[in-house]
Amino acid sequence: MLELLKAIHFLSFSVAIGAGISNLALGARLSAFPPQAMPPLGGFRLLLGKLSTIGLILLWLTGIWMVAVTAGMRIFDNQIFLWKLAAVAVLTVFSIAANLTVAKAKKTGMPPDANRMKRLGFGSQAMAILALILAVVAFN
């Protein structure tokens, strides 16, 4: 069971970070596309955002489950794990902020604030990479 949880956890991380990086890369190149390409590209970026969010949710669920079946409350004695958890919490706040920004933009019919989304995207990627590095150290 633990191996299955780890596999889902690692795949979820791959989807979340891969979709996030793809979204940032596409956003960086948007100015190269003609205006008529924006609606389909915007739809694709929404899909990438949803994939990142689903990956993050699965990371939380599998992470909590793995802690419950292995270390239990002892894991909180591991200071590096606590720093990793803090990085994931900040990442989650960034993700919620990005999703709320997109939802607000959809209501108004305007695109989301590009600078805000860029900052949230880069912040999310930085926290994801930090969380990964801290997880490797915490569980080594």
C-alpha atoms as a PDB file:
ATOM      1  CA  MET A   1       0.000   0.000   0.000  1.00  0.00           C
ATOM      2  CA  LEU A   2       2.792   2.425   0.884  1.00  0.00           C
ATOM      3  CA  GLU A   3       4.433   1.876  -2.515  1.00  0.00           C
ATOM      4  CA  LEU A   4       1.157   2.745  -4.282  1.00  0.00           C
ATOM      5  CA  LEU A   5       0.801   5.918  -2.198  1.00  0.00           C
ATOM      6  CA  LYS A   6       4.383   6.928  -2.995  1.00  0.00           C
ATOM      7  CA  ALA A   7       3.789   6.333  -6.714  1.00  0.00           C
ATOM      8  CA  ILE A   8       0.638   8.464  -6.688  1.00  0.00           C
ATOM      9  CA  HIS A   9       2.473  11.106  -4.633  1.00  0.00           C
ATOM     10  CA  PHE A  10       5.405  11.295  -7.074  1.00  0.00           C
ATOM     11  CA  LEU A  11       3.134  11.287 -10.132  1.00  0.00           C
ATOM     12  CA  SER A  12       1.001  14.021  -8.577  1.00  0.00           C
ATOM     13  CA  PHE A  13       4.107  16.127  -7.978  1.00  0.00           C
ATOM     14  CA  SER A  14       5.178  15.562 -11.581  1.00  0.00           C
ATOM     15  CA  VAL A  15       1.786  16.653 -12.923  1.00  0.00           C
ATOM     16  CA  ALA A  16       1.560  19.677 -10.625  1.00  0.00           C
ATOM     17  CA  ILE A  17       5.036  21.027 -11.297  1.00  0.00           C
ATOM     18  CA  GLY A  18       5.002  20.069 -14.993  1.00  0.00           C
ATOM     19  CA  ALA A  19       1.688  21.810 -15.638  1.00  0.00           C
ATOM     20  CA  GLY A  20       2.850  24.828 -13.629  1.00  0.00           C
ATOM     21  CA  ILE A  21       6.090  25.196 -15.572  1.00  0.00           C
ATOM     22  CA  SER A  22       4.238  24.690 -18.862  1.00  0.00           C
ATOM     23  CA  ASN A  23       1.783  27.410 -17.893  1.00  0.00           C
ATOM     24  CA  LEU A  24       4.597  29.818 -17.033  1.00  0.00           C
ATOM     25  CA  ALA A  25       6.409  29.064 -20.288  1.00  0.00           C
ATOM     26  CA  LEU A  26       3.261  29.569 -22.337  1.00  0.00           C
ATOM     27  CA  GLY A  27       2.519  32.796 -20.502  1.00  0.00           C
ATOM     28  CA  ALA A  28       5.992  34.092 -21.293  1.00  0.00           C
ATOM     29  CA  ARG A  29       5.362  33.545 -25.008  1.00  0.00           C
ATOM     30  CA  LEU A  30       1.792  34.887 -25.245  1.00  0.00           C
ATOM     31  CA  SER A  31       2.872  38.160 -26.838  1.00  0.00           C
ATOM     32  CA  ALA A  32       4.190  36.200 -29.834  1.00  0.00           C
ATOM     33  CA  PHE A  33       0.702  34.914 -30.680  1.00  0.00           C
ATOM     34  CA  PRO A  34      -1.938  36.804 -32.672  1.00  0.00           C
ATOM     35  CA  PRO A  35      -5.003  38.098 -30.775  1.00  0.00           C
ATOM     36  CA  GLN A  36      -7.279  35.446 -32.293  1.00  0.00           C
ATOM     37  CA  ALA A  37      -5.157  32.726 -30.652  1.00  0.00           C
ATOM     38  CA  MET A  38      -5.779  34.073 -27.142  1.00  0.00           C
ATOM     39  CA  PRO A  39      -9.140  32.350 -26.415  1.00  0.00           C
ATOM     40  CA  PRO A  40      -7.873  28.809 -27.150  1.00  0.00           C
ATOM     41  CA  LEU A  41      -4.557  29.504 -25.404  1.00  0.00           C
ATOM     42  CA  GLY A  42      -6.433  30.901 -22.419  1.00  0.00           C
ATOM     43  CA  GLY A  43      -8.503  27.726 -22.284  1.00  0.00           C
ATOM     44  CA  PHE A  44      -5.363  25.611 -22.410  1.00  0.00           C
ATOM     45  CA  ARG A  45      -3.827  27.661 -19.598  1.00  0.00           C
ATOM     46  CA  LEU A  46      -6.971  27.104 -17.515  1.00  0.00           C
ATOM     47  CA  LEU A  47      -6.591  23.360 -18.088  1.00  0.00           C
ATOM     48  CA  LEU A  48      -2.943  23.503 -16.982  1.00  0.00           C
ATOM     49  CA  GLY A  49      -4.000  25.404 -13.863  1.00  0.00           C
ATOM     50  CA  LYS A  50      -6.612  22.763 -13.062  1.00  0.00           C
ATOM     51  CA  LEU A  51      -4.045  19.987 -13.525  1.00  0.00           C
ATOM     52  CA  SER A  52      -1.670  21.759 -11.132  1.00  0.00           C
ATOM     53  CA  THR A  53      -4.446  22.148  -8.567  1.00  0.00           C
ATOM     54  CA  ILE A  54      -5.491  18.499  -8.843  1.00  0.00           C
ATOM     55  CA  GLY A  55      -1.847  17.456  -8.447  1.00  0.00           C
ATOM     56  CA  LEU A  56      -1.499  19.605  -5.321  1.00  0.00           C
ATOM     57  CA  ILE A  57      -4.680  18.183  -3.797  1.00  0.00           C
ATOM     58  CA  LEU A  58      -3.467  14.633  -4.454  1.00  0.00           C
ATOM     59  CA  LEU A  59      -0.101  15.532  -2.911  1.00  0.00           C
ATOM     60  CA  TRP A  60      -1.805  16.655   0.283  1.00  0.00           C
ATOM     61  CA  LEU A  61      -4.034  13.570   0.431  1.00  0.00           C
ATOM     62  CA  THR A  62      -1.305  11.019  -0.264  1.00  0.00           C
ATOM     63  CA  GLY A  63       1.171  12.856   1.969  1.00  0.00           C
ATOM     64  CA  ILE A  64      -1.176  12.845   4.943  1.00  0.00           C
ATOM     65  CA  TRP A  65      -2.038   9.207   4.294  1.00  0.00           C
ATOM     66  CA  MET A  66       1.632   8.185   4.098  1.00  0.00           C
ATOM     67  CA  VAL A  67       2.445  10.004   7.331  1.00  0.00           C
ATOM     68  CA  ALA A  68      -0.519   8.315   9.019  1.00  0.00           C
ATOM     69  CA  VAL A  69       0.549   4.803   7.998  1.00  0.00           C
ATOM     70  CA  THR A  70       4.282   5.233   8.642  1.00  0.00           C
ATOM     71  CA  ALA A  71       5.566   7.794  11.116  1.00  0.00           C
ATOM     72  CA  GLY A  72       2.391   9.140  12.678  1.00  0.00           C
ATOM     73  CA  MET A  73       2.865  12.082  15.023  1.00  0.00           C
ATOM     74  CA  ARG A  74       6.608  11.322  15.387  1.00  0.00           C
ATOM     75  CA  ILE A  75       7.132  12.973  12.010  1.00  0.00           C
ATOM     76  CA  PHE A  76       6.578  16.355  13.661  1.00  0.00           C
ATOM     77  CA  ASP A  77       9.787  15.852  15.638  1.00  0.00           C
ATOM     78  CA  ASN A  78      11.651  16.174  12.324  1.00  0.00           C
ATOM     79  CA  GLN A  79      12.492  19.889  11.954  1.00  0.00           C
ATOM     80  CA  ILE A  80      13.281  19.589   8.244  1.00  0.00           C
ATOM     81  CA  PHE A  81       9.891  17.970   7.654  1.00  0.00           C
ATOM     82  CA  LEU A  82       8.268  20.959   9.366  1.00  0.00           C
ATOM     83  CA  TRP A  83      10.110  23.327   7.002  1.00  0.00           C
ATOM     84  CA  LYS A  84       8.957  21.159   4.079  1.00  0.00           C
ATOM     85  CA  LEU A  85       5.401  21.344   5.370  1.00  0.00           C
ATOM     86  CA  ALA A  86       5.699  25.138   5.633  1.00  0.00           C
ATOM     87  CA  ALA A  87       6.857  25.332   1.998  1.00  0.00           C
ATOM     88  CA  VAL A  88       3.865  23.231   0.914  1.00  0.00           C
ATOM     89  CA  ALA A  89       1.544  25.452   2.976  1.00  0.00           C
ATOM     90  CA  VAL A  90       2.886  28.581   1.252  1.00  0.00           C
ATOM     91  CA  LEU A  91       2.561  26.817  -2.116  1.00  0.00           C
ATOM     92  CA  THR A  92      -1.058  26.017  -1.237  1.00  0.00           C
ATOM     93  CA  VAL A  93      -1.764  29.659  -0.362  1.00  0.00           C
ATOM     94  CA  PHE A  94      -0.291  30.715  -3.729  1.00  0.00           C
ATOM     95  CA  SER A  95      -2.427  28.120  -5.504  1.00  0.00           C
ATOM     96  CA  ILE A  96      -5.596  29.288  -3.748  1.00  0.00           C
ATOM     97  CA  ALA A  97      -4.757  32.912  -4.596  1.00  0.00           C
ATOM     98  CA  ALA A  98      -4.214  32.000  -8.259  1.00  0.00           C
ATOM     99  CA  ASN A  99      -7.485  30.053  -8.413  1.00  0.00           C
ATOM    100  CA  LEU A 100      -9.389  32.932  -6.795  1.00  0.00           C
ATOM    101  CA  THR A 101      -7.804  35.403  -9.233  1.00  0.00           C
ATOM    102  CA  VAL A 102      -8.878  33.257 -12.184  1.00  0.00           C
ATOM    103  CA  ALA A 103     -12.400  32.809 -10.780  1.00  0.00           C
ATOM    104  CA  LYS A 104     -12.773  36.571 -10.293  1.00  0.00           C
ATOM    105  CA  ALA A 105     -11.524  37.219 -13.830  1.00  0.00           C
ATOM    106  CA  LYS A 106     -13.992  34.697 -15.268  1.00  0.00           C
ATOM    107  CA  LYS A 107     -16.843  36.497 -13.487  1.00  0.00           C
ATOM    108  CA  THR A 108     -15.855  39.853 -14.971  1.00  0.00           C
ATOM    109  CA  GLY A 109     -15.095  38.438 -18.419  1.00  0.00           C
ATOM    110  CA  MET A 110     -11.603  39.911 -18.314  1.00  0.00           C
ATOM    111  CA  PRO A 111      -8.327  37.978 -18.302  1.00  0.00           C
ATOM    112  CA  PRO A 112      -6.640  37.610 -14.914  1.00  0.00           C
ATOM    113  CA  ASP A 113      -3.971  40.130 -13.954  1.00  0.00           C
ATOM    114  CA  ALA A 114      -0.916  38.803 -15.829  1.00  0.00           C
ATOM    115  CA  ASN A 115       1.641  40.218 -13.389  1.00  0.00           C
ATOM    116  CA  ARG A 116      -0.162  38.759 -10.366  1.00  0.00           C
ATOM    117  CA  MET A 117      -0.458  35.353 -12.055  1.00  0.00           C
ATOM    118  CA  LYS A 118       3.212  35.441 -13.036  1.00  0.00           C
ATOM    119  CA  ARG A 119       4.293  36.223  -9.463  1.00  0.00           C
ATOM    120  CA  LEU A 120       2.035  33.510  -8.064  1.00  0.00           C
ATOM    121  CA  GLY A 121       3.308  31.047 -10.667  1.00  0.00           C
ATOM    122  CA  PHE A 122       6.979  31.697  -9.959  1.00  0.00           C
ATOM    123  CA  GLY A 123       6.334  31.669  -6.220  1.00  0.00           C
ATOM    124  CA  SER A 124       4.501  28.358  -6.519  1.00  0.00           C
ATOM    125  CA  GLN A 125       7.317  26.783  -8.514  1.00  0.00           C
ATOM    126  CA  ALA A 126       9.925  28.031  -6.030  1.00  0.00           C
ATOM    127  CA  MET A 127       7.953  26.580  -3.101  1.00  0.00           C
ATOM    128  CA  ALA A 128       7.440  23.271  -4.948  1.00  0.00           C
ATOM    129  CA  ILE A 129      11.167  22.925  -5.622  1.00  0.00           C
ATOM    130  CA  LEU A 130      12.014  23.894  -2.036  1.00  0.00           C
ATOM    131  CA  ALA A 131       9.485  21.362  -0.705  1.00  0.00           C
ATOM    132  CA  LEU A 132      10.991  18.639  -2.894  1.00  0.00           C
ATOM    133  CA  ILE A 133      14.537  19.384  -1.717  1.00  0.00           C
ATOM    134  CA  LEU A 134      13.429  19.460   1.916  1.00  0.00           C
ATOM    135  CA  ALA A 135      11.494  16.189   1.479  1.00  0.00           C
ATOM    136  CA  VAL A 136      14.593  14.466   0.107  1.00  0.00           C
ATOM    137  CA  VAL A 137      16.607  15.653   3.112  1.00  0.00           C
ATOM    138  CA  ALA A 138      13.842  14.952   5.666  1.00  0.00           C
ATOM    139  CA  PHE A 139      13.259  11.384   4.506  1.00  0.00           C
ATOM    140  CA  ASN A 140      16.864  10.398   3.809  1.00  0.00           C
END
